[in-house]
Amino acid sequence: MANDPLTLPPDYWRDFSLSKADLEFISNYLFEKETPLTEKEIIPALVEERIRRERLALTAKQQADSKTYLPIGKFKVGEKLSFPALGRQKGKVTHVRPGVNPNVGAFEVISVEFADGVKKEFAAGLAEHKLNNPPEVAVEDEQLVPEIVLARYGADLEAALRRSLEKDATLVRIAGRWFPRALLVNVNVGHLNLAEAVLDEEKGGPLPASALIEQVAPPAGVNPKLVEFSMNYALQEDERFDEVGPAGEVLWYLRRLEPLDVQQIPPPLRYTEVPCDRAALTKEMLALEASLDDELSGDNLPVQNVPEVTIALTYPHWRAGTLPVSARTRSLFPTAYESPRVRFTVVDAHSKEEIPAWVVRSHGYVAGVGGLYQKYGLLPGSLVTLRRGSKPGQVVVEARTRRPVRDWVRTVLVGSDGGIVFATLKQNLTSEFNERMIIVVPDVGSVDAACEQIAKQRPPFEKLVADMMQELTKLNVQGHVHALELYSALNVIRRCPPAPLLAFLAQTPGYKHVGDLHFRMTGVEDSHE
């Protein structure tokens, strides 16, 4: 027969926070393991320890106001007893007398009165009796079962653990792994200078700490994992080095040798925020935003986990030689625990050439693919398919090429006044494209110069939209422009995500929605009717 089941409050693990005892346990656990561990590796041990402590505390609480009756015990009149074999019923000792049984030797008999008034007698002082071995505590509460707790709350517990450990100065974290600061192996300036020289010879990297340690005589008899962790920590604390490995892999690069478009945002991608009232966006507008793979749409869209995505290049990414890390593409690119920049490999789907590339996580773009755009004659609006590679850390990029054809498409030119103008001209096209986003740029240098001049003048957002709207209206006999065409054209002269533009069109009286996300400017309406 078991004791009363132990239970925890319903929100115990949902409201979990680390106590001082938990932090002490983790530190001791890491000391004993002598191996840096992730939150995911620490949590099972912590949950088991917390459950152990809670079971002890709950058991003690059950027995706090009474003594557990076991036949081996000695009891006095007035003592309160709890009887495990009777479902933990409680009673008070009212009388003690010697027992008489030649077969068992000396013992006592106690009289106990229970809460309901019933009186019973029990043997005491018996060294041999089956009830002297109390039954195991029954654990019926799922919140006291480690496997169930981990399955149900594991991710939340890991997040709570990380938040707490980040505040603990006695621990350090590298690539998601924690270890006591006091156990780190000393890595001095001389070691780091040598590491810099090794990376310099490798044109910046990337290299793992193990490759750098080979050049530095490690201390004998020390756990190799601890030496590597200590080197990683020392490199992390030195601004000369940048950790660029994907999650689960620590790779180092010399920061000064990273490509310029990794060290800073390329000019075409730089965005000055435009106020946006998302409440003004219609369902059609929200659907258009979700389809555009604009990294600046950010947290407004749910991240999708897909094996393949086809996107249309916008002018900013085409000009910068980059790809967007959007809600749809994000899962395809490698990520990291902490590193703002991740070095990985792009594979050309046609030639199978492997190209070094970078995920700049903090700003939502991938650098290093401009060569592919030039190689296949891609344009703003060209379609590119992204898919996971056959190896971890690889992404296959397929330029959607086709047999060259000449067709009439929007072409961006620089007018005699130095401004940006659009015309419909016959151009040679070598790739599949989005018809509303396609733009040919015959003279990139002139367009760059014109955009720089416009940027210096700092025209209001409203004027830029109006200028682009007027340019595109001239190309359409109906006198209206689709929002996607306007988005594509506006991004030639000013980086802007879709939401601010769409909200502006929806809320500004000078623009009239004529259906299917087509707009016309008030004032030019009559001339096209």
Protein backbone atom coordinates (compact mmCIF):
# COMPACT_ATOMS: atom_id res chain seq x y z
CA MET A 1 0.00 0.00 0.00
CA ALA A 2 1.42 3.39 -1.01
CA ASN A 3 1.49 6.74 0.70
CA ASP A 4 -0.69 9.63 -0.48
CA PRO A 5 0.37 10.76 -3.98
CA LEU A 6 2.50 13.88 -4.19
CA THR A 7 1.30 16.78 -6.32
CA LEU A 8 2.67 20.09 -7.59
CA PRO A 9 0.71 23.24 -8.48
CA PRO A 10 -0.74 23.10 -12.06
CA ASP A 11 1.48 25.96 -13.30
CA TYR A 12 4.64 24.78 -11.54
CA TRP A 13 6.73 24.17 -14.68
CA ARG A 14 5.03 26.85 -16.78
CA ASP A 15 6.08 29.47 -14.20
CA PHE A 16 9.49 27.89 -13.67
CA SER A 17 12.38 30.09 -12.55
CA LEU A 18 15.80 29.10 -11.27
CA SER A 19 16.51 29.25 -7.55
CA LYS A 20 19.87 29.69 -5.84
CA ALA A 21 19.88 25.93 -5.19
CA ASP A 22 19.34 25.27 -8.90
CA LEU A 23 22.30 27.47 -9.89
CA GLU A 24 24.51 25.77 -7.32
CA PHE A 25 23.47 22.38 -8.68
CA ILE A 26 24.28 23.43 -12.26
CA SER A 27 27.71 24.73 -11.29
CA ASN A 28 28.51 21.52 -9.42
CA TYR A 29 27.15 19.45 -12.31
CA LEU A 30 29.42 21.22 -14.80
CA PHE A 31 32.39 20.85 -12.44
CA GLU A 32 31.77 17.12 -12.21
CA LYS A 33 31.28 16.66 -15.96
CA GLU A 34 34.34 18.78 -16.85
CA THR A 35 32.68 19.29 -20.24
CA PRO A 36 30.84 22.38 -21.54
CA LEU A 37 27.13 21.64 -21.99
CA THR A 38 24.19 23.24 -23.79
CA GLU A 39 20.92 24.24 -22.12
CA LYS A 40 19.33 21.18 -23.75
CA GLU A 41 21.95 18.94 -22.14
CA ILE A 42 21.65 20.59 -18.71
CA ILE A 43 17.86 20.68 -18.43
CA PRO A 44 17.23 16.89 -17.97
CA ALA A 45 19.62 16.76 -15.01
CA LEU A 46 18.14 19.95 -13.54
CA VAL A 47 14.57 18.67 -13.89
CA GLU A 48 15.46 15.40 -12.15
CA GLU A 49 17.20 17.30 -9.35
CA ARG A 50 14.29 19.71 -8.92
CA ILE A 51 11.81 16.82 -8.81
CA ARG A 52 13.98 15.03 -6.23
CA ARG A 53 13.98 18.10 -4.00
CA GLU A 54 10.27 18.70 -4.44
CA ARG A 55 9.45 15.09 -3.57
CA LEU A 56 11.50 15.38 -0.39
CA ALA A 57 9.84 18.67 0.48
CA LEU A 58 6.34 17.33 -0.19
CA THR A 59 7.00 14.19 1.83
CA ALA A 60 8.36 16.24 4.71
CA LYS A 61 5.31 18.48 4.55
CA GLN A 62 2.99 15.49 4.68
CA GLN A 63 4.76 14.29 7.84
CA ALA A 64 5.38 17.69 9.43
CA ASP A 65 2.54 17.51 11.94
CA SER A 66 2.81 13.81 12.76
CA LYS A 67 5.31 11.00 13.19
CA THR A 68 5.14 8.03 10.85
CA TYR A 69 4.10 4.85 12.58
CA LEU A 70 6.45 1.90 12.04
CA PRO A 71 6.31 -1.20 14.30
CA ILE A 72 9.97 -0.78 15.18
CA GLY A 73 9.37 2.64 16.72
CA LYS A 74 8.91 3.66 20.35
CA PHE A 75 6.04 6.06 21.11
CA LYS A 76 4.75 8.13 24.00
CA VAL A 77 1.32 9.11 25.16
CA GLY A 78 0.19 12.27 23.41
CA GLU A 79 2.27 11.75 20.23
CA LYS A 80 0.50 12.18 16.90
CA LEU A 81 1.10 9.40 14.39
CA SER A 82 0.50 8.92 10.70
CA PHE A 83 -0.22 5.39 9.44
CA PRO A 84 1.02 4.70 5.84
CA ALA A 85 -0.70 1.31 5.78
CA LEU A 86 -4.03 2.98 6.57
CA GLY A 87 -3.89 5.60 3.83
CA ARG A 88 -1.95 7.98 6.10
CA GLN A 89 -4.80 8.25 8.59
CA LYS A 90 -3.70 10.20 11.66
CA GLY A 91 -4.28 9.43 15.30
CA LYS A 92 -3.09 10.25 18.82
CA VAL A 93 -1.41 7.83 21.26
CA THR A 94 -3.65 7.56 24.36
CA HIS A 95 -2.03 4.68 26.22
CA VAL A 96 1.17 2.55 26.23
CA ARG A 97 1.45 -0.85 27.91
CA PRO A 98 3.84 -3.82 27.75
CA GLY A 99 2.99 -6.48 25.18
CA VAL A 100 2.73 -10.16 25.99
CA ASN A 101 3.82 -12.70 23.38
CA PRO A 102 6.58 -15.19 24.24
CA ASN A 103 7.18 -15.83 20.54
CA VAL A 104 8.33 -12.29 19.71
CA GLY A 105 10.10 -11.14 22.84
CA ALA A 106 9.70 -7.79 24.55
CA PHE A 107 7.48 -5.19 22.84
CA GLU A 108 4.81 -2.63 23.64
CA VAL A 109 1.21 -2.06 22.69
CA ILE A 110 -0.01 1.45 22.00
CA SER A 111 -3.62 2.60 21.95
CA VAL A 112 -4.42 5.17 19.28
CA GLU A 113 -7.54 7.27 18.88
CA PHE A 114 -8.25 8.45 15.34
CA ALA A 115 -10.01 11.62 14.22
CA ASP A 116 -13.31 9.80 13.74
CA GLY A 117 -13.22 8.55 17.34
CA VAL A 118 -12.26 4.99 16.47
CA LYS A 119 -9.66 3.45 18.80
CA LYS A 120 -7.16 0.80 17.74
CA GLU A 121 -4.13 -0.92 19.22
CA PHE A 122 -0.76 -1.37 17.50
CA ALA A 123 2.51 -3.11 18.32
CA ALA A 124 5.58 -0.97 19.01
CA GLY A 125 9.23 -1.76 19.59
CA LEU A 126 9.18 -4.76 17.22
CA ALA A 127 12.53 -5.13 15.43
CA GLU A 128 11.16 -7.64 12.93
CA HIS A 129 7.96 -6.74 11.13
CA LYS A 130 7.02 -6.42 7.44
CA LEU A 131 5.63 -2.88 7.95
CA ASN A 132 9.04 -1.63 9.09
CA ASN A 133 9.90 -1.27 5.39
CA PRO A 134 7.67 1.62 4.26
CA PRO A 135 6.29 1.48 0.71
CA GLU A 136 7.55 3.78 -2.03
CA VAL A 137 5.81 7.12 -2.33
CA ALA A 138 3.23 6.99 -5.08
CA VAL A 139 3.95 9.51 -7.84
CA GLU A 140 0.73 10.04 -9.75
CA ASP A 141 1.24 13.70 -10.71
CA GLU A 142 2.61 13.97 -14.27
CA GLN A 143 4.52 17.06 -13.21
CA LEU A 144 6.75 14.81 -11.14
CA VAL A 145 7.63 12.54 -14.09
CA PRO A 146 10.83 13.84 -15.79
CA GLU A 147 10.04 12.41 -19.24
CA ILE A 148 6.61 14.05 -19.33
CA VAL A 149 7.96 17.37 -18.02
CA LEU A 150 10.72 17.47 -20.66
CA ALA A 151 8.35 16.58 -23.51
CA ARG A 152 5.78 19.18 -22.48
CA TYR A 153 7.92 22.07 -21.22
CA GLY A 154 11.45 21.36 -22.50
CA ALA A 155 11.78 24.33 -24.88
CA ASP A 156 10.38 26.81 -22.34
CA LEU A 157 12.64 25.45 -19.60
CA GLU A 158 15.68 25.82 -21.86
CA ALA A 159 14.78 29.46 -22.52
CA ALA A 160 14.29 30.14 -18.81
CA LEU A 161 17.59 28.43 -18.04
CA ARG A 162 19.45 30.55 -20.56
CA ARG A 163 18.01 33.79 -19.20
CA SER A 164 19.14 32.87 -15.71
CA LEU A 165 22.59 31.63 -16.67
CA GLU A 166 23.27 34.81 -18.66
CA LYS A 167 23.06 36.69 -15.36
CA ASP A 168 25.51 34.36 -13.62
CA ALA A 169 29.02 35.82 -13.81
CA THR A 170 30.58 32.54 -12.68
CA LEU A 171 29.62 30.85 -15.97
CA VAL A 172 30.63 31.58 -19.57
CA ARG A 173 28.87 30.62 -22.79
CA ILE A 174 30.34 29.78 -26.20
CA ALA A 175 28.23 28.60 -29.15
CA GLY A 176 25.42 27.59 -26.83
CA ARG A 177 27.62 25.71 -24.31
CA TRP A 178 28.16 26.70 -20.68
CA PHE A 179 31.09 26.13 -18.36
CA PRO A 180 32.41 27.53 -15.05
CA ARG A 181 34.72 30.47 -15.62
CA ALA A 182 37.03 29.25 -12.83
CA LEU A 183 37.93 26.09 -14.77
CA LEU A 184 38.98 27.79 -18.01
CA VAL A 185 42.50 27.10 -19.23
CA ASN A 186 44.63 30.23 -19.53
CA VAL A 187 44.90 31.54 -23.11
CA ASN A 188 47.20 34.58 -23.25
CA VAL A 189 47.83 37.37 -25.75
CA GLY A 190 50.69 35.43 -27.32
CA HIS A 191 48.37 32.54 -28.12
CA LEU A 192 45.84 34.92 -29.68
CA ASN A 193 48.48 36.68 -31.77
CA LEU A 194 49.54 33.31 -33.11
CA ALA A 195 45.91 32.47 -33.88
CA GLU A 196 45.63 35.72 -35.83
CA ALA A 197 48.71 34.82 -37.87
CA VAL A 198 47.28 31.39 -38.70
CA LEU A 199 43.97 32.88 -39.86
CA ASP A 200 45.86 35.52 -41.84
CA GLU A 201 47.58 32.75 -43.80
CA GLU A 202 44.16 31.22 -44.48
CA LYS A 203 42.92 34.54 -45.95
CA GLY A 204 40.79 35.15 -42.91
CA GLY A 205 39.39 31.66 -42.32
CA PRO A 206 37.17 30.06 -41.37
CA LEU A 207 38.92 27.64 -39.02
CA PRO A 208 37.82 25.76 -35.88
CA ALA A 209 39.61 26.36 -32.59
CA SER A 210 41.13 22.87 -32.84
CA ALA A 211 43.08 23.92 -35.94
CA LEU A 212 44.39 26.98 -34.10
CA ILE A 213 45.27 25.00 -30.98
CA GLU A 214 47.57 22.79 -33.07
CA GLN A 215 49.81 25.84 -33.46
CA VAL A 216 49.75 26.53 -29.72
CA ALA A 217 51.23 23.90 -27.39
CA PRO A 218 48.22 22.97 -25.20
CA PRO A 219 48.81 22.14 -21.53
CA ALA A 220 49.42 18.43 -20.94
CA GLY A 221 46.86 16.34 -19.09
CA VAL A 222 43.96 18.76 -19.61
CA ASN A 223 40.65 17.66 -21.10
CA PRO A 224 40.93 18.54 -24.85
CA LYS A 225 37.32 19.75 -24.88
CA LEU A 226 38.12 22.14 -22.06
CA VAL A 227 41.19 23.45 -23.91
CA GLU A 228 39.07 24.02 -27.03
CA PHE A 229 36.32 25.71 -25.05
CA SER A 230 38.86 27.99 -23.35
CA MET A 231 40.38 28.94 -26.71
CA ASN A 232 36.91 29.65 -28.11
CA TYR A 233 36.13 31.88 -25.14
CA ALA A 234 39.40 33.81 -25.47
CA LEU A 235 38.78 34.33 -29.21
CA GLN A 236 35.25 35.49 -28.51
CA GLU A 237 36.49 38.12 -26.07
CA ASP A 238 39.02 39.50 -28.60
CA GLU A 239 37.49 41.90 -31.15
CA ARG A 240 39.94 40.77 -33.85
CA PHE A 241 38.06 37.50 -34.24
CA ASP A 242 34.54 36.75 -35.41
CA GLU A 243 32.71 33.48 -34.72
CA VAL A 244 30.98 32.61 -38.01
CA GLY A 245 29.98 28.94 -37.64
CA PRO A 246 26.41 27.67 -38.00
CA ALA A 247 24.59 26.37 -34.93
CA GLY A 248 26.52 23.46 -33.47
CA GLU A 249 29.81 24.37 -35.15
CA VAL A 250 32.32 27.00 -33.97
CA LEU A 251 34.41 28.56 -36.74
CA TRP A 252 36.63 31.63 -36.53
CA TYR A 253 37.35 34.38 -39.05
CA LEU A 254 39.48 37.50 -38.94
CA ARG A 255 37.01 40.35 -38.76
CA ARG A 256 39.19 42.73 -40.79
CA LEU A 257 39.30 40.27 -43.71
CA GLU A 258 35.55 39.73 -43.94
CA PRO A 259 33.97 41.07 -47.16
CA LEU A 260 32.88 44.69 -47.01
CA ASP A 261 29.24 43.83 -47.67
CA VAL A 262 29.39 41.58 -44.59
CA GLN A 263 31.02 44.16 -42.35
CA GLN A 264 28.43 46.80 -43.27
CA ILE A 265 25.03 46.91 -44.96
CA PRO A 266 25.38 47.50 -48.74
CA PRO A 267 23.95 50.93 -49.68
CA PRO A 268 21.04 49.57 -51.78
CA LEU A 269 19.75 47.62 -48.73
CA ARG A 270 19.88 50.49 -46.24
CA TYR A 271 16.44 51.45 -45.03
CA THR A 272 15.25 54.61 -43.33
CA GLU A 273 12.04 53.68 -41.59
CA VAL A 274 8.75 54.94 -43.01
CA PRO A 275 5.82 55.11 -40.53
CA CYS A 276 3.27 52.42 -41.25
CA ASP A 277 -0.24 51.76 -39.98
CA ARG A 278 -0.66 48.03 -40.58
CA ALA A 279 -4.34 48.28 -39.70
CA ALA A 280 -4.82 49.95 -43.08
CA LEU A 281 -3.65 46.86 -44.98
CA THR A 282 -6.38 44.81 -46.65
CA LYS A 283 -6.32 41.02 -47.00
CA GLU A 284 -5.08 41.44 -50.58
CA MET A 285 -2.27 43.68 -49.40
CA LEU A 286 -1.26 41.28 -46.65
CA ALA A 287 -1.21 38.43 -49.15
CA LEU A 288 1.01 40.46 -51.48
CA GLU A 289 3.37 41.29 -48.61
CA ALA A 290 3.66 37.61 -47.69
CA SER A 291 4.55 36.67 -51.28
CA LEU A 292 7.39 39.17 -51.75
CA ASP A 293 10.12 37.70 -49.51
CA ASP A 294 11.13 41.13 -48.29
CA GLU A 295 13.40 40.72 -45.26
CA LEU A 296 12.20 44.04 -43.85
CA SER A 297 8.72 42.60 -43.34
CA GLY A 298 10.41 40.97 -40.36
CA ASP A 299 8.32 39.61 -37.52
CA ASN A 300 5.04 40.52 -39.21
CA LEU A 301 5.08 37.21 -41.10
CA PRO A 302 5.29 33.66 -39.70
CA VAL A 303 8.49 31.77 -40.47
CA GLN A 304 7.92 28.86 -42.85
CA ASN A 305 9.92 25.65 -42.88
CA VAL A 306 10.05 24.66 -46.54
CA PRO A 307 12.57 22.64 -48.60
CA GLU A 308 12.49 25.00 -51.57
CA VAL A 309 11.50 28.60 -52.36
CA THR A 310 11.40 30.55 -55.62
CA ILE A 311 11.80 34.31 -55.25
CA ALA A 312 11.85 37.29 -57.59
CA LEU A 313 14.94 39.48 -57.15
CA THR A 314 14.25 43.05 -56.12
CA TYR A 315 16.49 45.81 -57.43
CA PRO A 316 18.24 46.36 -54.04
CA HIS A 317 19.28 42.71 -53.74
CA TRP A 318 20.18 42.46 -57.41
CA ARG A 319 22.37 45.57 -57.16
CA ALA A 320 23.97 44.51 -53.87
CA GLY A 321 24.53 40.90 -54.97
CA THR A 322 22.55 39.59 -52.02
CA LEU A 323 19.54 37.44 -51.15
CA PRO A 324 16.79 38.19 -48.62
CA VAL A 325 16.52 36.22 -45.38
CA SER A 326 12.73 36.38 -45.31
CA ALA A 327 9.98 34.46 -43.56
CA ARG A 328 10.00 31.89 -46.37
CA THR A 329 13.75 31.66 -47.03
CA ARG A 330 15.01 31.83 -43.42
CA SER A 331 14.76 28.11 -42.73
CA LEU A 332 16.92 27.32 -45.78
CA PHE A 333 19.92 29.29 -44.57
CA PRO A 334 22.14 28.19 -41.67
CA THR A 335 21.65 30.01 -38.40
CA ALA A 336 23.71 30.27 -35.21
CA TYR A 337 23.25 30.44 -31.44
CA GLU A 338 24.76 33.91 -31.13
CA SER A 339 26.90 34.82 -34.15
CA PRO A 340 25.48 37.75 -36.13
CA ARG A 341 27.34 36.51 -39.24
CA VAL A 342 27.43 32.91 -40.49
CA ARG A 343 29.81 31.64 -43.18
CA PHE A 344 28.36 28.91 -45.40
CA THR A 345 28.47 27.56 -48.97
CA VAL A 346 26.22 28.36 -51.93
CA VAL A 347 26.11 25.73 -54.68
CA ASP A 348 25.40 26.85 -58.26
CA ALA A 349 22.64 24.47 -59.37
CA HIS A 350 23.84 24.53 -62.99
CA SER A 351 27.63 24.25 -62.70
CA LYS A 352 27.78 22.71 -59.17
CA GLU A 353 30.40 25.35 -58.31
CA GLU A 354 30.71 25.99 -54.57
CA ILE A 355 30.75 29.66 -53.61
CA PRO A 356 31.52 31.09 -50.14
CA ALA A 357 28.63 33.16 -48.84
CA TRP A 358 27.53 34.81 -45.61
CA VAL A 359 24.28 35.09 -43.70
CA VAL A 360 24.19 38.51 -42.05
CA ARG A 361 21.56 37.57 -39.51
CA SER A 362 21.24 40.93 -37.79
CA HIS A 363 20.16 42.63 -41.02
CA GLY A 364 18.43 39.79 -42.84
CA TYR A 365 20.46 39.25 -45.98
CA VAL A 366 22.88 36.82 -47.59
CA ALA A 367 26.03 38.27 -49.15
CA GLY A 368 28.28 36.76 -51.79
CA VAL A 369 25.94 35.74 -54.64
CA GLY A 370 26.41 38.72 -56.97
CA GLY A 371 28.72 36.69 -59.20
CA LEU A 372 25.86 34.31 -59.99
CA TYR A 373 23.64 37.18 -61.09
CA GLN A 374 26.28 38.40 -63.52
CA LYS A 375 27.12 34.89 -64.72
CA TYR A 376 23.55 34.18 -65.79
CA GLY A 377 22.53 37.69 -66.83
CA LEU A 378 19.85 38.03 -64.16
CA LEU A 379 17.83 41.22 -63.77
CA PRO A 380 15.67 42.81 -61.09
CA GLY A 381 12.55 40.64 -61.24
CA SER A 382 14.39 37.47 -62.36
CA LEU A 383 13.32 34.26 -60.64
CA VAL A 384 15.78 32.38 -58.42
CA THR A 385 15.07 29.06 -56.70
CA LEU A 386 16.67 28.25 -53.34
CA ARG A 387 16.82 24.77 -51.84
CA ARG A 388 18.73 22.91 -49.16
CA GLY A 389 21.98 21.33 -50.26
CA SER A 390 23.00 17.70 -49.89
CA LYS A 391 25.44 18.63 -47.11
CA PRO A 392 24.81 20.59 -43.90
CA GLY A 393 25.59 24.28 -44.32
CA GLN A 394 25.00 24.26 -48.09
CA VAL A 395 22.26 26.03 -50.02
CA VAL A 396 21.64 25.38 -53.71
CA VAL A 397 20.86 28.51 -55.76
CA GLU A 398 19.30 27.99 -59.18
CA ALA A 399 19.10 30.88 -61.61
CA ARG A 400 15.92 30.21 -63.61
CA THR A 401 17.52 30.66 -67.04
CA ARG A 402 15.83 30.17 -70.41
CA ARG A 403 16.54 30.53 -74.12
CA PRO A 404 17.25 34.24 -74.87
CA VAL A 405 14.29 36.20 -76.25
CA ARG A 406 13.73 39.87 -77.02
CA ASP A 407 10.68 41.44 -75.43
CA TRP A 408 9.24 44.80 -74.43
CA VAL A 409 9.88 45.44 -70.73
CA ARG A 410 10.23 48.31 -68.28
CA THR A 411 13.66 49.89 -68.51
CA VAL A 412 15.14 52.37 -66.05
CA LEU A 413 17.06 55.30 -67.53
CA VAL A 414 18.55 58.56 -66.33
CA GLY A 415 16.94 61.67 -67.84
CA SER A 416 18.70 64.80 -69.04
CA ASP A 417 17.99 66.42 -65.67
CA GLY A 418 19.70 63.57 -63.83
CA GLY A 419 16.44 62.06 -62.60
CA ILE A 420 15.21 58.48 -62.86
CA VAL A 421 12.77 57.76 -65.68
CA PHE A 422 11.12 54.59 -66.98
CA ALA A 423 10.46 53.52 -70.54
CA THR A 424 9.19 50.37 -72.23
CA LEU A 425 11.99 49.14 -74.50
CA LYS A 426 12.79 45.93 -76.28
CA GLN A 427 15.45 44.01 -74.32
CA ASN A 428 17.25 40.69 -74.50
CA LEU A 429 15.98 38.46 -71.65
CA THR A 430 17.76 35.26 -70.56
CA SER A 431 15.84 34.29 -67.43
CA GLU A 432 12.34 33.62 -66.19
CA PHE A 433 10.90 36.63 -64.39
CA ASN A 434 7.98 38.19 -62.55
CA GLU A 435 6.25 40.39 -65.15
CA ARG A 436 5.29 43.06 -62.62
CA MET A 437 8.78 43.27 -61.10
CA ILE A 438 11.05 43.01 -64.15
CA ILE A 439 13.29 46.04 -64.69
CA VAL A 440 16.22 46.32 -67.11
CA VAL A 441 19.08 48.60 -66.08
CA PRO A 442 21.27 49.35 -69.14
CA ASP A 443 23.61 51.76 -67.31
CA VAL A 444 24.07 50.78 -63.68
CA GLY A 445 26.66 53.48 -63.01
CA SER A 446 24.35 56.28 -64.14
CA VAL A 447 21.49 54.93 -62.06
CA ASP A 448 23.78 54.70 -59.01
CA ALA A 449 24.83 58.32 -59.48
CA ALA A 450 21.22 59.45 -59.88
CA CYS A 451 20.16 57.58 -56.75
CA GLU A 452 23.03 59.12 -54.77
CA GLN A 453 21.93 62.57 -55.88
CA ILE A 454 18.32 61.86 -54.89
CA ALA A 455 19.47 60.60 -51.50
CA LYS A 456 21.44 63.81 -50.89
CA GLN A 457 18.35 65.90 -51.64
CA ARG A 458 16.31 63.86 -49.13
CA PRO A 459 12.93 64.22 -50.85
CA PRO A 460 9.88 63.21 -48.78
CA PHE A 461 8.61 59.68 -49.15
CA GLU A 462 5.36 61.04 -50.56
CA LYS A 463 7.20 62.77 -53.43
CA LEU A 464 9.21 59.68 -54.33
CA VAL A 465 6.03 57.60 -54.52
CA ALA A 466 4.34 60.26 -56.64
CA ASP A 467 7.33 60.51 -59.01
CA MET A 468 7.45 56.73 -59.51
CA MET A 469 3.67 56.56 -59.90
CA GLN A 470 3.75 59.20 -62.64
CA GLU A 471 6.59 57.44 -64.45
CA LEU A 472 4.80 54.11 -64.46
CA THR A 473 1.43 55.61 -65.34
CA LYS A 474 2.95 56.85 -68.60
CA LEU A 475 3.65 53.25 -69.59
CA ASN A 476 0.06 52.05 -69.13
CA VAL A 477 -2.74 53.06 -71.50
CA GLN A 478 -5.32 52.45 -68.74
CA GLY A 479 -3.53 55.00 -66.56
CA HIS A 480 -3.25 52.81 -63.51
CA VAL A 481 -0.38 50.98 -61.84
CA HIS A 482 -0.29 47.73 -59.90
CA ALA A 483 1.06 48.04 -56.34
CA LEU A 484 3.74 45.42 -57.09
CA GLU A 485 5.01 47.41 -60.08
CA LEU A 486 5.20 50.51 -57.90
CA TYR A 487 7.00 48.60 -55.13
CA SER A 488 9.57 47.31 -57.62
CA ALA A 489 10.17 50.75 -59.15
CA LEU A 490 10.28 52.63 -55.84
CA ASN A 491 13.00 50.31 -54.56
CA VAL A 492 15.29 51.46 -57.34
CA ILE A 493 15.60 54.89 -55.72
CA ARG A 494 14.72 54.15 -52.08
CA ARG A 495 14.70 50.96 -50.07
CA CYS A 496 11.19 50.35 -48.81
CA PRO A 497 9.35 47.19 -47.69
CA PRO A 498 5.85 46.61 -49.06
CA ALA A 499 3.79 47.44 -45.96
CA PRO A 500 4.60 51.20 -45.68
CA LEU A 501 3.96 51.67 -49.40
CA LEU A 502 0.69 49.74 -49.38
CA ALA A 503 -0.55 51.54 -46.26
CA PHE A 504 0.35 54.87 -47.88
CA LEU A 505 -1.67 53.99 -51.00
CA ALA A 506 -4.62 52.89 -48.89
CA GLN A 507 -4.69 56.01 -46.71
CA THR A 508 -3.70 58.83 -49.07
CA PRO A 509 -6.57 60.65 -50.81
CA GLY A 510 -4.47 61.32 -53.92
CA TYR A 511 -4.51 57.62 -54.82
CA LYS A 512 -7.55 55.63 -55.84
CA HIS A 513 -7.83 51.86 -55.70
CA VAL A 514 -9.47 50.66 -58.92
CA GLY A 515 -9.46 46.95 -58.09
CA ASP A 516 -7.06 44.02 -57.82
CA LEU A 517 -4.38 46.22 -56.16
CA HIS A 518 -4.29 48.58 -59.14
CA PHE A 519 -4.12 52.29 -58.26
CA ARG A 520 -4.38 55.51 -60.18
CA MET A 521 -3.49 59.04 -59.15
CA THR A 522 -6.34 61.49 -58.66
CA GLY A 523 -6.01 64.19 -61.28
CA VAL A 524 -4.77 61.96 -64.07
CA GLU A 525 -7.91 59.83 -63.96
CA ASP A 526 -9.95 61.81 -66.49
CA SER A 527 -7.20 61.92 -69.10
CA HIS A 528 -7.26 58.11 -69.36
CA GLU A 529 -11.01 57.57 -69.46
